[in-house]
Amino acid sequence: MQLPLTSSSSYSSVPWSSFQCKTLSYPIKIGTLCFQKKQLQIFCSSSNHNLINDESLCKQQEEECYEENLKRRGFVLFFSSLSLSLLSSNSSVFAKTKSKSPYDENRLLEQNKRVQAGNNAPEDFPNFVREGFEVKVVTSDNYVKCDNGLIYSDIKVGQGDCPQEGQQVTFHYIGYNESGRRIDSTYLQGAPAKIRVGTNALVPGFEQGIRDMRPGGKRRVIIPPDLGPPVGPSTFFSAKQFEVFDVELLSIQTCERRTILAFYSDLVCK
């Protein structure tokens, strides 16, 4: 093997066998360049072309290059992790502020109001700000909010006693969904409804809403999904939503069971 030198070079008089070689296994610094290889041959020469074997100088240069590489890697890793942490924190903050943005809440509220106005919702009808499965009910100060989620407002307070377990109540009602659209009405059917209290014949929230009403009273009851009616194709309700009922309690009757000829019995309410 021959060293690639030009004919005019002063190195031509130096034999190749005179060079001292050393094999290293860590980063090496030659001038301003660092080469990272498993094995690297280093040739050391002086400015006057006399060969030297300064192992301490080569060792110092090698260690400096190794430390420099470590610093560079640490610097890159630090800023990479910092950028990722800032990006993730900004994303989480953005997601949180997006779900709780007052602008979005106001936009959804105004949208619900426009829909209710198009459906001719009655006066003082509650508004529903729905985003996914989360629903916020917006009402006036006239409404009473119970711990179980039931909300009601007395339009007119009646007189007399409240219905008791086993008694029959006669009432009119109009049912609405969150959009203010009417879904059912006994007024349109032409006859009031009659149900005995405590027989599980009513929607749980509906029965709780009329328990403390008095005859002649009118009340608006907002029923949450947990206390609402069953859903399905055989009902008026196709999804778990809040339902609103305007109820007018007409009368309360006490019921008694009578037996006829020991073979037949019926229930008489009066």
Protein backbone atom coordinates (compact mmCIF):
# COMPACT_ATOMS: atom_id res chain seq x y z
CA MET A 1 0.00 0.00 0.00
CA GLN A 2 1.28 3.49 -0.86
CA LEU A 3 0.41 6.88 0.62
CA PRO A 4 -1.32 9.09 -2.05
CA LEU A 5 1.13 12.04 -2.28
CA THR A 6 2.07 14.36 -5.15
CA SER A 7 5.55 14.36 -6.54
CA SER A 8 6.20 17.87 -5.26
CA SER A 9 5.29 17.00 -1.69
CA SER A 10 8.06 16.97 0.90
CA TYR A 11 6.50 13.83 2.40
CA SER A 12 7.77 11.69 -0.45
CA SER A 13 11.10 11.08 1.34
CA VAL A 14 9.39 9.68 4.38
CA PRO A 15 8.80 5.94 4.23
CA TRP A 16 5.32 4.61 5.02
CA SER A 17 6.66 2.15 7.60
CA SER A 18 7.93 5.05 9.75
CA PHE A 19 4.42 6.25 10.68
CA GLN A 20 3.10 5.31 14.11
CA CYS A 21 -0.51 4.02 14.07
CA LYS A 22 -3.00 3.58 16.89
CA THR A 23 -6.43 1.93 16.92
CA LEU A 24 -9.19 3.66 18.97
CA SER A 25 -12.78 2.75 19.82
CA TYR A 26 -14.28 6.11 20.87
CA PRO A 27 -14.82 9.56 19.29
CA ILE A 28 -11.69 11.21 17.91
CA LYS A 29 -10.97 14.88 17.16
CA ILE A 30 -8.72 15.66 14.20
CA GLY A 31 -8.50 19.42 13.69
CA THR A 32 -12.14 20.52 13.87
CA LEU A 33 -13.77 17.29 12.67
CA CYS A 34 -15.01 14.43 14.83
CA PHE A 35 -15.34 10.92 13.41
CA GLN A 36 -17.25 8.28 15.33
CA LYS A 37 -16.26 4.78 14.28
CA LYS A 38 -15.57 1.51 16.01
CA GLN A 39 -12.00 1.46 14.75
CA LEU A 40 -10.06 4.42 13.40
CA GLN A 41 -6.39 4.71 12.53
CA ILE A 42 -4.74 7.97 13.61
CA PHE A 43 -1.59 9.29 12.03
CA CYS A 44 0.25 11.96 14.00
CA SER A 45 2.88 14.17 12.36
CA SER A 46 4.65 17.43 13.20
CA SER A 47 4.93 20.57 11.07
CA ASN A 48 8.56 19.85 10.15
CA HIS A 49 7.61 16.35 8.92
CA ASN A 50 9.27 14.61 11.89
CA LEU A 51 7.14 11.75 13.19
CA ILE A 52 6.03 11.89 16.81
CA ASN A 53 4.15 9.52 19.02
CA ASP A 54 2.46 11.79 21.52
CA GLU A 55 -0.11 9.49 23.03
CA SER A 56 -1.14 12.01 25.69
CA LEU A 57 -1.96 14.64 23.05
CA CYS A 58 -4.03 12.18 21.03
CA LYS A 59 -5.73 10.99 24.18
CA GLN A 60 -6.61 14.59 25.18
CA GLN A 61 -8.06 15.32 21.74
CA GLU A 62 -10.08 12.14 21.86
CA GLU A 63 -11.56 12.97 25.27
CA GLU A 64 -12.41 16.53 24.20
CA CYS A 65 -14.24 15.24 21.14
CA TYR A 66 -16.13 12.67 23.22
CA GLU A 67 -17.26 15.33 25.72
CA GLU A 68 -18.28 17.65 22.88
CA ASN A 69 -20.45 14.94 21.34
CA LEU A 70 -22.10 14.27 24.69
CA LYS A 71 -22.88 17.97 25.12
CA ARG A 72 -24.34 18.20 21.63
CA ARG A 73 -26.51 15.15 22.17
CA GLY A 74 -27.70 16.42 25.54
CA PHE A 75 -28.51 19.81 24.02
CA VAL A 76 -30.55 18.21 21.22
CA LEU A 77 -32.38 15.85 23.57
CA PHE A 78 -33.17 18.67 26.00
CA PHE A 79 -34.75 20.89 23.37
CA SER A 80 -36.56 17.94 21.75
CA SER A 81 -38.18 16.96 25.06
CA LEU A 82 -38.92 20.61 25.83
CA SER A 83 -40.66 21.08 22.48
CA LEU A 84 -42.73 17.94 22.93
CA SER A 85 -43.78 18.94 26.45
CA LEU A 86 -44.77 22.42 25.30
CA LEU A 87 -46.72 20.98 22.39
CA SER A 88 -48.60 18.50 24.57
CA SER A 89 -49.34 21.12 27.24
CA ASN A 90 -50.63 23.55 24.64
CA SER A 91 -52.82 20.83 23.14
CA SER A 92 -54.30 19.90 26.52
CA VAL A 93 -54.92 23.52 27.42
CA PHE A 94 -56.56 24.10 24.06
CA ALA A 95 -58.81 21.06 24.52
CA LYS A 96 -59.85 22.18 27.99
CA THR A 97 -60.56 25.73 26.96
CA LYS A 98 -62.45 24.51 23.91
CA SER A 99 -64.91 22.43 25.98
CA LYS A 100 -65.41 25.25 28.46
CA SER A 101 -65.33 28.16 26.07
CA PRO A 102 -68.03 30.73 26.89
CA TYR A 103 -68.24 31.53 23.19
CA ASP A 104 -69.24 27.93 22.37
CA GLU A 105 -71.74 27.87 25.25
CA ASN A 106 -73.34 31.11 24.11
CA ARG A 107 -73.44 29.86 20.54
CA LEU A 108 -75.17 26.62 21.56
CA LEU A 109 -77.58 28.57 23.78
CA GLU A 110 -78.56 30.94 21.00
CA GLN A 111 -78.96 28.01 18.62
CA ASN A 112 -81.34 26.28 21.06
CA LYS A 113 -83.33 29.50 21.46
CA ARG A 114 -83.74 29.85 17.69
CA VAL A 115 -84.92 26.25 17.37
CA GLN A 116 -87.41 26.68 20.22
CA ALA A 117 -88.73 29.87 18.67
CA GLY A 118 -89.26 28.01 15.40
CA ASN A 119 -91.22 25.34 17.29
CA ASN A 120 -93.37 27.95 19.07
CA ALA A 121 -92.19 26.94 22.54
CA PRO A 122 -94.27 28.49 25.36
CA GLU A 123 -93.14 31.48 27.39
CA ASP A 124 -90.41 31.00 30.01
CA PHE A 125 -89.48 27.67 28.45
CA PRO A 126 -86.12 26.30 29.68
CA ASN A 127 -83.11 26.26 27.37
CA PHE A 128 -80.76 23.34 26.92
CA VAL A 129 -77.08 23.74 26.07
CA ARG A 130 -76.09 20.31 24.80
CA GLU A 131 -72.58 19.35 23.75
CA GLY A 132 -72.27 15.60 23.29
CA PHE A 133 -73.65 13.86 26.36
CA GLU A 134 -73.27 16.91 28.57
CA VAL A 135 -76.37 19.09 28.95
CA LYS A 136 -76.73 22.33 30.85
CA VAL A 137 -80.26 23.45 31.69
CA VAL A 138 -80.75 27.21 31.64
CA THR A 139 -83.85 28.48 33.46
CA SER A 140 -85.16 31.61 35.09
CA ASP A 141 -85.17 32.14 38.85
CA ASN A 142 -88.76 30.89 39.05
CA TYR A 143 -87.66 27.26 38.86
CA VAL A 144 -86.87 24.98 41.80
CA LYS A 145 -84.03 22.48 41.38
CA CYS A 146 -84.17 19.25 43.39
CA ASP A 147 -81.21 17.13 44.44
CA ASN A 148 -82.21 14.25 42.16
CA GLY A 149 -82.10 16.51 39.08
CA LEU A 150 -85.82 17.23 38.85
CA ILE A 151 -86.68 20.89 38.08
CA TYR A 152 -90.12 22.48 38.31
CA SER A 153 -91.89 25.81 38.37
CA ASP A 154 -95.42 26.52 39.61
CA ILE A 155 -97.39 28.50 37.05
CA LYS A 156 -100.44 28.48 39.30
CA VAL A 157 -100.79 27.09 42.83
CA GLY A 158 -103.97 25.09 43.44
CA GLN A 159 -106.02 24.56 46.58
CA GLY A 160 -106.82 21.55 48.72
CA ASP A 161 -104.82 18.48 49.64
CA CYS A 162 -101.96 16.85 47.75
CA PRO A 163 -102.48 13.35 46.28
CA GLN A 164 -101.70 10.39 48.51
CA GLU A 165 -100.59 6.84 47.77
CA GLY A 166 -103.33 4.88 46.07
CA GLN A 167 -105.46 7.89 45.13
CA GLN A 168 -106.39 8.65 41.56
CA VAL A 169 -105.35 11.91 39.94
CA THR A 170 -107.03 13.46 36.91
CA PHE A 171 -104.86 15.85 34.93
CA HIS A 172 -104.09 17.40 31.59
CA TYR A 173 -100.56 17.64 30.25
CA ILE A 174 -98.48 18.77 27.27
CA GLY A 175 -95.13 17.13 26.65
CA TYR A 176 -92.16 18.86 24.99
CA ASN A 177 -88.63 17.85 24.06
CA GLU A 178 -85.46 19.95 24.41
CA SER A 179 -86.20 21.74 21.14
CA GLY A 180 -89.54 22.99 22.45
CA ARG A 181 -91.44 20.77 20.03
CA ARG A 182 -94.70 19.34 21.33
CA ILE A 183 -94.64 15.56 21.44
CA ASP A 184 -97.92 14.73 23.22
CA SER A 185 -100.99 16.47 24.63
CA THR A 186 -104.16 15.34 26.38
CA TYR A 187 -105.82 18.57 25.27
CA LEU A 188 -105.53 17.43 21.67
CA GLN A 189 -106.79 13.98 22.62
CA GLY A 190 -109.92 15.56 24.04
CA ALA A 191 -109.86 13.86 27.45
CA PRO A 192 -107.70 14.17 30.58
CA ALA A 193 -105.51 11.36 31.90
CA LYS A 194 -106.40 9.37 35.02
CA ILE A 195 -103.70 7.52 36.94
CA ARG A 196 -103.45 6.07 40.44
CA VAL A 197 -100.46 7.36 42.39
CA GLY A 198 -97.92 4.81 43.59
CA THR A 199 -98.67 2.09 41.03
CA ASN A 200 -95.62 2.76 38.78
CA ALA A 201 -97.99 3.76 35.99
CA LEU A 202 -96.30 7.13 35.51
CA VAL A 203 -92.81 8.20 34.50
CA PRO A 204 -90.82 8.46 37.77
CA GLY A 205 -89.99 12.12 37.29
CA PHE A 206 -93.56 12.92 36.30
CA GLU A 207 -95.03 11.32 39.41
CA GLN A 208 -92.51 13.05 41.66
CA GLY A 209 -93.37 16.34 39.98
CA ILE A 210 -97.09 16.17 40.77
CA ARG A 211 -96.86 14.63 44.25
CA ASP A 212 -97.10 17.99 46.02
CA MET A 213 -99.48 19.66 43.57
CA ARG A 214 -103.00 20.66 44.60
CA PRO A 215 -106.19 20.54 42.52
CA GLY A 216 -106.47 23.50 40.17
CA GLY A 217 -102.69 23.98 40.09
CA LYS A 218 -100.52 24.25 36.99
CA ARG A 219 -96.85 23.31 36.97
CA ARG A 220 -94.01 22.93 34.48
CA VAL A 221 -91.84 19.91 35.23
CA ILE A 222 -88.38 19.35 33.69
CA ILE A 223 -87.50 15.67 33.89
CA PRO A 224 -83.84 14.56 33.52
CA PRO A 225 -83.03 11.39 31.53
CA ASP A 226 -82.44 9.37 34.71
CA LEU A 227 -86.03 10.01 35.80
CA GLY A 228 -87.48 10.08 32.31
CA PRO A 229 -89.61 7.76 30.22
CA PRO A 230 -88.36 4.62 28.49
CA VAL A 231 -87.03 5.04 24.98
CA GLY A 232 -87.78 2.94 21.93
CA PRO A 233 -89.85 2.70 18.75
CA SER A 234 -93.06 2.05 20.72
CA THR A 235 -92.83 5.31 22.64
CA PHE A 236 -92.77 9.02 21.84
CA PHE A 237 -89.13 9.22 22.97
CA SER A 238 -86.25 8.15 20.75
CA ALA A 239 -83.28 9.29 22.83
CA LYS A 240 -82.22 9.99 26.38
CA GLN A 241 -83.10 13.67 26.62
CA PHE A 242 -84.65 16.06 29.07
CA GLU A 243 -88.43 16.15 28.80
CA VAL A 244 -90.66 19.08 29.78
CA PHE A 245 -94.29 18.66 30.86
CA ASP A 246 -96.87 21.33 31.52
CA VAL A 247 -99.29 19.72 33.97
CA GLU A 248 -102.73 20.90 35.12
CA LEU A 249 -104.07 18.90 38.07
CA LEU A 250 -107.86 18.77 37.82
CA SER A 251 -108.95 16.60 40.72
CA ILE A 252 -107.99 13.93 43.25
CA GLN A 253 -110.24 10.93 43.99
CA THR A 254 -110.05 8.34 46.74
CA CYS A 255 -110.32 4.79 45.48
CA GLU A 256 -112.02 1.82 47.14
CA ARG A 257 -112.26 -1.78 46.01
CA ARG A 258 -115.72 -3.34 46.04
CA THR A 259 -116.68 -6.98 45.70
CA ILE A 260 -119.77 -8.19 43.87
CA LEU A 261 -121.19 -11.66 44.59
CA ALA A 262 -117.80 -12.88 45.85
CA PHE A 263 -116.68 -13.52 42.27
CA TYR A 264 -116.09 -10.06 40.89
CA SER A 265 -114.38 -6.97 42.28
CA ASP A 266 -113.56 -3.57 40.88
CA LEU A 267 -112.02 -0.30 41.93
CA VAL A 268 -114.21 2.72 42.42
CA CYS A 269 -112.63 6.20 42.67
CA LYS A 270 -114.69 9.18 43.77
